[in-house]
Amino acid sequence: MQTLHWQKSTYSGDSSNCVYVAASTTGTIHLRESDEPDIIVTTTTQSLHALIRSLAQ
């Protein structure tokens, strides 16, 4: 099993509600929130990019 290296989002700042992101060697993106670290959402880089782009509009 692969070990993921989680990084806190820079948009989380110093708050207690933080979003963490990790990329696997296969290119899958993993997202989790600090309040529920056992719940992990997976996506592709293309889908995450599309989501962020649509939210920015």
Protein backbone atom coordinates (compact mmCIF):
# COMPACT_ATOMS: atom_id res chain seq x y z
CA MET A 1 0.00 0.00 0.00
CA GLN A 2 1.26 3.42 -0.96
CA THR A 3 1.91 6.09 1.70
CA LEU A 4 0.38 9.43 0.82
CA HIS A 5 2.15 12.67 1.71
CA TRP A 6 -0.59 15.06 2.78
CA GLN A 7 -0.18 18.81 2.39
CA LYS A 8 -2.43 21.42 3.96
CA SER A 9 -4.08 23.77 1.50
CA THR A 10 -2.63 27.26 1.58
CA TYR A 11 -6.20 28.59 1.60
CA SER A 12 -6.84 26.90 4.97
CA GLY A 13 -4.56 29.33 6.80
CA ASP A 14 -4.36 28.81 10.55
CA SER A 15 -7.97 27.78 11.01
CA SER A 16 -8.98 24.45 12.50
CA ASN A 17 -11.03 23.54 9.40
CA CYS A 18 -8.31 22.53 6.98
CA VAL A 19 -8.33 20.81 3.63
CA TYR A 20 -5.47 18.44 2.87
CA VAL A 21 -4.41 17.20 -0.56
CA ALA A 22 -2.15 14.36 -1.68
CA ALA A 23 -1.22 12.98 -5.08
CA SER A 24 -0.56 9.29 -5.67
CA THR A 25 2.04 7.92 -8.02
CA THR A 26 -0.78 7.03 -10.45
CA GLY A 27 -1.85 10.69 -10.68
CA THR A 28 -4.97 10.32 -8.54
CA ILE A 29 -5.68 13.31 -6.30
CA HIS A 30 -6.85 12.65 -2.74
CA LEU A 31 -8.66 15.24 -0.62
CA ARG A 32 -9.65 15.15 3.04
CA GLU A 33 -10.80 17.57 5.72
CA SER A 34 -9.17 17.86 9.13
CA ASP A 35 -12.48 17.22 10.94
CA GLU A 36 -13.01 13.85 9.17
CA PRO A 37 -9.53 12.59 8.16
CA ASP A 38 -10.77 9.05 7.49
CA ILE A 39 -13.10 10.25 4.73
CA ILE A 40 -11.04 10.68 1.58
CA VAL A 41 -12.37 11.89 -1.77
CA THR A 42 -10.43 10.87 -4.87
CA THR A 43 -10.47 12.58 -8.25
CA THR A 44 -8.32 13.22 -11.31
CA THR A 45 -6.24 16.31 -11.91
CA GLN A 46 -8.48 17.25 -14.86
CA SER A 47 -11.67 17.03 -12.79
CA LEU A 48 -10.19 18.98 -9.88
CA HIS A 49 -8.96 21.66 -12.27
CA ALA A 50 -12.42 21.93 -13.84
CA LEU A 51 -14.05 22.23 -10.39
CA ILE A 52 -11.66 24.95 -9.24
CA ARG A 53 -12.05 26.82 -12.52
CA SER A 54 -15.87 26.74 -12.28
CA LEU A 55 -15.84 27.86 -8.63
CA ALA A 56 -13.59 30.80 -9.47
CA GLN A 57 -16.09 32.18 -11.97
